[in-house]
Amino acid sequence: MPHDAARPGSREPRERRRVHRTDWMALLSGMLFVSAGVVFVSRPSVEPLIMFTILVGGLGLAGLVAILARVIRR
């Protein structure tokens, strides 16, 4: 019996597989907030102003990486 492309769930031989691209901004921001949470739990004596500065700087760096990744992809 020949391959029937009309069956549900079957794919066309020439169909391109969609590849999920990494969202670098979301990934790096999530890692930054998780690590900030770990620091606050393990060392509660850290100054909030210092942590805020690190978070804002980290978000800026994550945004820069996301922009560069988008430029390189094109």
C-alpha atoms as a PDB file:
ATOM      1  CA  MET A   1       0.000   0.000   0.000  1.00  0.00           C
ATOM      2  CA  PRO A   2       1.523   3.381  -0.987  1.00  0.00           C
ATOM      3  CA  HIS A   3       2.106   6.168   1.481  1.00  0.00           C
ATOM      4  CA  ASP A   4      -1.139   8.111   1.819  1.00  0.00           C
ATOM      5  CA  ALA A   5      -0.424  11.810   2.487  1.00  0.00           C
ATOM      6  CA  ALA A   6      -4.091  12.526   3.166  1.00  0.00           C
ATOM      7  CA  ARG A   7      -4.157  10.544   6.417  1.00  0.00           C
ATOM      8  CA  PRO A   8      -4.553  12.640   9.572  1.00  0.00           C
ATOM      9  CA  GLY A   9      -1.244  13.165  11.304  1.00  0.00           C
ATOM     10  CA  SER A  10       0.839  12.409   8.216  1.00  0.00           C
ATOM     11  CA  ARG A  11       3.226  14.980   6.860  1.00  0.00           C
ATOM     12  CA  GLU A  12       3.975  16.019   3.351  1.00  0.00           C
ATOM     13  CA  PRO A  13       7.465  14.913   2.340  1.00  0.00           C
ATOM     14  CA  ARG A  14       8.454  18.467   1.463  1.00  0.00           C
ATOM     15  CA  GLU A  15       6.935  20.083   4.556  1.00  0.00           C
ATOM     16  CA  ARG A  16       9.473  22.114   6.438  1.00  0.00           C
ATOM     17  CA  ARG A  17       9.785  21.478  10.131  1.00  0.00           C
ATOM     18  CA  ARG A  18       9.230  24.616  12.192  1.00  0.00           C
ATOM     19  CA  VAL A  19      12.089  25.317  14.545  1.00  0.00           C
ATOM     20  CA  HIS A  20      11.453  27.159  17.790  1.00  0.00           C
ATOM     21  CA  ARG A  21      13.834  30.068  18.226  1.00  0.00           C
ATOM     22  CA  THR A  22      15.204  30.875  21.655  1.00  0.00           C
ATOM     23  CA  ASP A  23      13.766  33.974  23.302  1.00  0.00           C
ATOM     24  CA  TRP A  24      16.985  35.243  24.848  1.00  0.00           C
ATOM     25  CA  MET A  25      15.357  38.132  26.708  1.00  0.00           C
ATOM     26  CA  ALA A  26      12.925  35.835  28.514  1.00  0.00           C
ATOM     27  CA  LEU A  27      15.562  33.187  29.224  1.00  0.00           C
ATOM     28  CA  LEU A  28      18.154  35.580  30.634  1.00  0.00           C
ATOM     29  CA  SER A  29      15.581  37.591  32.602  1.00  0.00           C
ATOM     30  CA  GLY A  30      14.214  34.417  34.177  1.00  0.00           C
ATOM     31  CA  MET A  31      17.687  33.239  35.125  1.00  0.00           C
ATOM     32  CA  LEU A  32      18.438  36.666  36.596  1.00  0.00           C
ATOM     33  CA  PHE A  33      15.320  36.725  38.775  1.00  0.00           C
ATOM     34  CA  VAL A  34      15.828  33.142  39.945  1.00  0.00           C
ATOM     35  CA  SER A  35      19.413  33.892  40.944  1.00  0.00           C
ATOM     36  CA  ALA A  36      18.316  37.108  42.693  1.00  0.00           C
ATOM     37  CA  GLY A  37      15.738  35.100  44.631  1.00  0.00           C
ATOM     38  CA  VAL A  38      18.368  32.562  45.667  1.00  0.00           C
ATOM     39  CA  VAL A  39      20.647  35.373  46.869  1.00  0.00           C
ATOM     40  CA  PHE A  40      17.840  36.965  48.898  1.00  0.00           C
ATOM     41  CA  VAL A  41      16.962  33.636  50.527  1.00  0.00           C
ATOM     42  CA  SER A  42      20.536  32.596  51.254  1.00  0.00           C
ATOM     43  CA  ARG A  43      21.898  36.033  52.239  1.00  0.00           C
ATOM     44  CA  PRO A  44      19.107  38.281  53.534  1.00  0.00           C
ATOM     45  CA  SER A  45      21.657  40.912  54.608  1.00  0.00           C
ATOM     46  CA  VAL A  46      22.252  42.055  51.007  1.00  0.00           C
ATOM     47  CA  GLU A  47      21.335  45.708  50.495  1.00  0.00           C
ATOM     48  CA  PRO A  48      18.153  46.151  48.401  1.00  0.00           C
ATOM     49  CA  LEU A  49      19.685  49.085  46.494  1.00  0.00           C
ATOM     50  CA  ILE A  50      22.619  46.927  45.397  1.00  0.00           C
ATOM     51  CA  MET A  51      20.305  44.112  44.282  1.00  0.00           C
ATOM     52  CA  PHE A  52      18.077  46.595  42.416  1.00  0.00           C
ATOM     53  CA  THR A  53      21.119  47.974  40.594  1.00  0.00           C
ATOM     54  CA  ILE A  54      22.252  44.462  39.660  1.00  0.00           C
ATOM     55  CA  LEU A  55      18.746  43.556  38.435  1.00  0.00           C
ATOM     56  CA  VAL A  56      18.418  46.673  36.272  1.00  0.00           C
ATOM     57  CA  GLY A  57      21.909  46.181  34.857  1.00  0.00           C
ATOM     58  CA  GLY A  58      21.187  42.501  34.200  1.00  0.00           C
ATOM     59  CA  LEU A  59      17.939  43.324  32.418  1.00  0.00           C
ATOM     60  CA  GLY A  60      19.799  45.851  30.277  1.00  0.00           C
ATOM     61  CA  LEU A  61      22.406  43.223  29.423  1.00  0.00           C
ATOM     62  CA  ALA A  62      19.676  40.683  28.608  1.00  0.00           C
ATOM     63  CA  GLY A  63      18.034  43.223  26.301  1.00  0.00           C
ATOM     64  CA  LEU A  64      21.337  43.880  24.561  1.00  0.00           C
ATOM     65  CA  VAL A  65      21.903  40.139  24.042  1.00  0.00           C
ATOM     66  CA  ALA A  66      18.356  39.761  22.668  1.00  0.00           C
ATOM     67  CA  ILE A  67      18.896  42.615  20.205  1.00  0.00           C
ATOM     68  CA  LEU A  68      22.245  41.215  19.057  1.00  0.00           C
ATOM     69  CA  ALA A  69      20.765  37.733  18.633  1.00  0.00           C
ATOM     70  CA  ARG A  70      17.966  39.141  16.469  1.00  0.00           C
ATOM     71  CA  VAL A  71      20.423  41.105  14.315  1.00  0.00           C
ATOM     72  CA  ILE A  72      22.648  38.043  13.842  1.00  0.00           C
ATOM     73  CA  ARG A  73      19.668  35.826  12.884  1.00  0.00           C
ATOM     74  CA  ARG A  74      18.715  38.067   9.972  1.00  0.00           C
END
